[in-house]
């Protein structure tokens, strides 16, 4: 059996999950979970290119917190946006762009949106909204 010869440049393979790589690049507090165990929530802290897990091993009595406590959160996983949410955002963006075109016309009466380089995008957005509503 012949040994194959690889020709070209080796490709570097990132062994980290993309979400973990992103977390390493942006410091903050995260809540980790597991799709196989939806009740599992693990507080994680990304700082200085390192990730720390906060152990949840001591229960705290609620009456022990001082009146000077500041609290932020809860930080819990959010479900993905629905198609209806996306449609609402698309409609708002379309209305905003329409408004900006109207302002441009007021500033320059010779401006024609249909002659703009963005007109094809506006038509595509309008068509997408109609399609999502079932009107197309």
C-alpha atoms as a PDB file:
ATOM      1  CA  UNK A   1       0.000   0.000   0.000  1.00  0.00           C
ATOM      2  CA  UNK A   2       1.314   3.421  -0.931  1.00  0.00           C
ATOM      3  CA  UNK A   3       1.490   6.279   1.540  1.00  0.00           C
ATOM      4  CA  UNK A   4      -0.452   9.302   0.337  1.00  0.00           C
ATOM      5  CA  UNK A   5       1.467  12.553   0.144  1.00  0.00           C
ATOM      6  CA  UNK A   6      -0.371  15.669   1.236  1.00  0.00           C
ATOM      7  CA  UNK A   7       0.360  18.677  -0.881  1.00  0.00           C
ATOM      8  CA  UNK A   8      -0.639  22.138   0.206  1.00  0.00           C
ATOM      9  CA  UNK A   9      -0.910  24.002   3.431  1.00  0.00           C
ATOM     10  CA  UNK A  10      -2.102  22.430   6.646  1.00  0.00           C
ATOM     11  CA  UNK A  11      -5.363  23.808   7.986  1.00  0.00           C
ATOM     12  CA  UNK A  12      -5.514  24.697  11.658  1.00  0.00           C
ATOM     13  CA  UNK A  13      -8.467  23.077  13.406  1.00  0.00           C
ATOM     14  CA  UNK A  14     -10.001  24.887  16.376  1.00  0.00           C
ATOM     15  CA  UNK A  15     -10.977  22.297  18.972  1.00  0.00           C
ATOM     16  CA  UNK A  16     -13.137  24.760  20.904  1.00  0.00           C
ATOM     17  CA  UNK A  17     -16.868  25.144  20.360  1.00  0.00           C
ATOM     18  CA  UNK A  18     -17.597  28.445  18.537  1.00  0.00           C
ATOM     19  CA  UNK A  19     -19.611  29.731  21.520  1.00  0.00           C
ATOM     20  CA  UNK A  20     -16.663  29.068  23.840  1.00  0.00           C
ATOM     21  CA  UNK A  21     -14.245  30.830  21.467  1.00  0.00           C
ATOM     22  CA  UNK A  22     -16.619  33.842  21.384  1.00  0.00           C
ATOM     23  CA  UNK A  23     -16.890  33.832  25.195  1.00  0.00           C
ATOM     24  CA  UNK A  24     -13.100  33.884  25.513  1.00  0.00           C
ATOM     25  CA  UNK A  25     -13.041  36.982  23.317  1.00  0.00           C
ATOM     26  CA  UNK A  26     -15.669  38.913  25.277  1.00  0.00           C
ATOM     27  CA  UNK A  27     -15.318  39.223  29.039  1.00  0.00           C
ATOM     28  CA  UNK A  28     -18.388  38.949  31.209  1.00  0.00           C
ATOM     29  CA  UNK A  29     -20.725  36.712  33.153  1.00  0.00           C
ATOM     30  CA  UNK A  30     -22.429  33.911  31.255  1.00  0.00           C
ATOM     31  CA  UNK A  31     -24.959  31.237  32.131  1.00  0.00           C
ATOM     32  CA  UNK A  32     -23.997  27.870  30.697  1.00  0.00           C
ATOM     33  CA  UNK A  33     -26.473  25.098  30.076  1.00  0.00           C
ATOM     34  CA  UNK A  34     -26.794  21.736  28.404  1.00  0.00           C
ATOM     35  CA  UNK A  35     -29.285  20.788  25.699  1.00  0.00           C
ATOM     36  CA  UNK A  36     -29.434  17.280  27.180  1.00  0.00           C
ATOM     37  CA  UNK A  37     -30.204  18.633  30.672  1.00  0.00           C
ATOM     38  CA  UNK A  38     -32.381  21.787  30.348  1.00  0.00           C
ATOM     39  CA  UNK A  39     -32.520  22.311  34.132  1.00  0.00           C
ATOM     40  CA  UNK A  40     -28.738  22.684  34.386  1.00  0.00           C
ATOM     41  CA  UNK A  41     -27.555  26.274  34.778  1.00  0.00           C
ATOM     42  CA  UNK A  42     -23.900  27.000  35.499  1.00  0.00           C
ATOM     43  CA  UNK A  43     -22.577  30.529  36.118  1.00  0.00           C
ATOM     44  CA  UNK A  44     -19.406  31.174  34.124  1.00  0.00           C
ATOM     45  CA  UNK A  45     -17.062  34.151  34.119  1.00  0.00           C
ATOM     46  CA  UNK A  46     -14.850  34.991  31.154  1.00  0.00           C
ATOM     47  CA  UNK A  47     -11.966  37.229  32.161  1.00  0.00           C
ATOM     48  CA  UNK A  48      -8.481  37.768  30.778  1.00  0.00           C
ATOM     49  CA  UNK A  49      -8.804  35.036  28.152  1.00  0.00           C
ATOM     50  CA  UNK A  50      -9.741  32.468  30.805  1.00  0.00           C
ATOM     51  CA  UNK A  51     -13.063  30.949  31.870  1.00  0.00           C
ATOM     52  CA  UNK A  52     -14.011  30.346  35.477  1.00  0.00           C
ATOM     53  CA  UNK A  53     -16.911  28.292  36.788  1.00  0.00           C
ATOM     54  CA  UNK A  54     -18.669  29.497  39.905  1.00  0.00           C
ATOM     55  CA  UNK A  55     -19.426  26.582  42.186  1.00  0.00           C
ATOM     56  CA  UNK A  56     -22.966  26.416  43.488  1.00  0.00           C
ATOM     57  CA  UNK A  57     -22.287  24.445  46.617  1.00  0.00           C
ATOM     58  CA  UNK A  58     -23.404  26.683  49.485  1.00  0.00           C
ATOM     59  CA  UNK A  59     -26.999  27.698  50.007  1.00  0.00           C
ATOM     60  CA  UNK A  60     -27.377  31.251  51.259  1.00  0.00           C
ATOM     61  CA  UNK A  61     -30.070  32.288  53.697  1.00  0.00           C
ATOM     62  CA  UNK A  62     -32.144  35.081  52.083  1.00  0.00           C
ATOM     63  CA  UNK A  63     -32.287  37.060  55.365  1.00  0.00           C
ATOM     64  CA  UNK A  64     -28.479  37.349  55.508  1.00  0.00           C
ATOM     65  CA  UNK A  65     -28.246  39.884  52.675  1.00  0.00           C
ATOM     66  CA  UNK A  66     -27.641  43.458  53.783  1.00  0.00           C
ATOM     67  CA  UNK A  67     -29.864  46.341  52.730  1.00  0.00           C
ATOM     68  CA  UNK A  68     -26.903  47.677  50.726  1.00  0.00           C
ATOM     69  CA  UNK A  69     -27.121  44.735  48.310  1.00  0.00           C
ATOM     70  CA  UNK A  70     -27.087  45.584  44.618  1.00  0.00           C
ATOM     71  CA  UNK A  71     -28.393  42.893  42.344  1.00  0.00           C
ATOM     72  CA  UNK A  72     -28.436  42.479  38.587  1.00  0.00           C
ATOM     73  CA  UNK A  73     -30.185  39.816  36.593  1.00  0.00           C
ATOM     74  CA  UNK A  74     -31.447  37.263  36.306  1.00  0.00           C
ATOM     75  CA  UNK A  75     -29.242  36.227  33.426  1.00  0.00           C
ATOM     76  CA  UNK A  76     -30.940  33.169  31.995  1.00  0.00           C
ATOM     77  CA  UNK A  77     -30.909  31.624  28.555  1.00  0.00           C
ATOM     78  CA  UNK A  78     -33.437  33.206  26.197  1.00  0.00           C
ATOM     79  CA  UNK A  79     -35.290  31.168  23.598  1.00  0.00           C
ATOM     80  CA  UNK A  80     -34.496  31.970  19.978  1.00  0.00           C
ATOM     81  CA  UNK A  81     -36.520  34.761  18.414  1.00  0.00           C
ATOM     82  CA  UNK A  82     -39.639  33.582  16.609  1.00  0.00           C
ATOM     83  CA  UNK A  83     -40.394  34.214  12.951  1.00  0.00           C
ATOM     84  CA  UNK A  84     -43.007  36.723  14.142  1.00  0.00           C
ATOM     85  CA  UNK A  85     -40.341  38.618  16.093  1.00  0.00           C
ATOM     86  CA  UNK A  86     -38.120  38.704  13.008  1.00  0.00           C
ATOM     87  CA  UNK A  87     -41.039  39.915  10.884  1.00  0.00           C
ATOM     88  CA  UNK A  88     -41.760  42.748  13.342  1.00  0.00           C
ATOM     89  CA  UNK A  89     -38.111  43.848  13.266  1.00  0.00           C
ATOM     90  CA  UNK A  90     -38.062  43.708   9.486  1.00  0.00           C
ATOM     91  CA  UNK A  91     -41.219  45.822   9.323  1.00  0.00           C
ATOM     92  CA  UNK A  92     -39.716  48.372  11.712  1.00  0.00           C
ATOM     93  CA  UNK A  93     -36.495  48.527   9.693  1.00  0.00           C
ATOM     94  CA  UNK A  94     -38.477  48.996   6.478  1.00  0.00           C
ATOM     95  CA  UNK A  95     -40.524  51.813   8.044  1.00  0.00           C
ATOM     96  CA  UNK A  96     -37.352  53.484   9.340  1.00  0.00           C
ATOM     97  CA  UNK A  97     -35.721  53.375   5.913  1.00  0.00           C
ATOM     98  CA  UNK A  98     -38.923  54.746   4.343  1.00  0.00           C
ATOM     99  CA  UNK A  99     -38.801  57.594   6.857  1.00  0.00           C
ATOM    100  CA  UNK A 100     -35.171  58.319   6.047  1.00  0.00           C
ATOM    101  CA  UNK A 101     -35.973  58.387   2.328  1.00  0.00           C
ATOM    102  CA  UNK A 102     -38.776  60.865   3.087  1.00  0.00           C
ATOM    103  CA  UNK A 103     -36.331  63.101   4.990  1.00  0.00           C
ATOM    104  CA  UNK A 104     -33.890  62.958   2.096  1.00  0.00           C
ATOM    105  CA  UNK A 105     -36.656  64.081  -0.275  1.00  0.00           C
ATOM    106  CA  UNK A 106     -37.405  67.040   2.023  1.00  0.00           C
ATOM    107  CA  UNK A 107     -33.746  68.025   2.093  1.00  0.00           C
ATOM    108  CA  UNK A 108     -33.226  67.464  -1.631  1.00  0.00           C
ATOM    109  CA  UNK A 109     -36.445  67.524  -3.684  1.00  0.00           C
ATOM    110  CA  UNK A 110     -34.544  66.078  -6.656  1.00  0.00           C
ATOM    111  CA  UNK A 111     -33.742  62.880  -4.708  1.00  0.00           C
ATOM    112  CA  UNK A 112     -35.566  59.829  -6.058  1.00  0.00           C
ATOM    113  CA  UNK A 113     -35.554  56.670  -3.916  1.00  0.00           C
ATOM    114  CA  UNK A 114     -36.098  54.509  -7.001  1.00  0.00           C
ATOM    115  CA  UNK A 115     -32.803  55.819  -8.407  1.00  0.00           C
ATOM    116  CA  UNK A 116     -30.936  55.061  -5.175  1.00  0.00           C
ATOM    117  CA  UNK A 117     -28.458  52.186  -5.018  1.00  0.00           C
ATOM    118  CA  UNK A 118     -30.519  50.920  -2.059  1.00  0.00           C
ATOM    119  CA  UNK A 119     -33.789  50.628  -3.981  1.00  0.00           C
ATOM    120  CA  UNK A 120     -33.258  46.969  -4.919  1.00  0.00           C
ATOM    121  CA  UNK A 121     -32.734  46.174  -1.232  1.00  0.00           C
ATOM    122  CA  UNK A 122     -35.929  48.038  -0.320  1.00  0.00           C
ATOM    123  CA  UNK A 123     -37.896  46.035  -2.888  1.00  0.00           C
ATOM    124  CA  UNK A 124     -36.362  42.786  -1.578  1.00  0.00           C
ATOM    125  CA  UNK A 125     -37.276  43.720   2.017  1.00  0.00           C
ATOM    126  CA  UNK A 126     -40.816  44.611   0.973  1.00  0.00           C
ATOM    127  CA  UNK A 127     -41.151  41.298  -0.899  1.00  0.00           C
ATOM    128  CA  UNK A 128     -39.830  39.386   2.130  1.00  0.00           C
ATOM    129  CA  UNK A 129     -42.383  41.076   4.402  1.00  0.00           C
ATOM    130  CA  UNK A 130     -45.221  40.232   1.977  1.00  0.00           C
ATOM    131  CA  UNK A 131     -44.003  36.655   1.729  1.00  0.00           C
ATOM    132  CA  UNK A 132     -43.815  36.295   5.535  1.00  0.00           C
ATOM    133  CA  UNK A 133     -47.369  37.636   5.835  1.00  0.00           C
ATOM    134  CA  UNK A 134     -48.552  35.185   3.193  1.00  0.00           C
ATOM    135  CA  UNK A 135     -49.406  37.979   0.767  1.00  0.00           C
ATOM    136  CA  UNK A 136     -46.983  37.018  -1.988  1.00  0.00           C
END
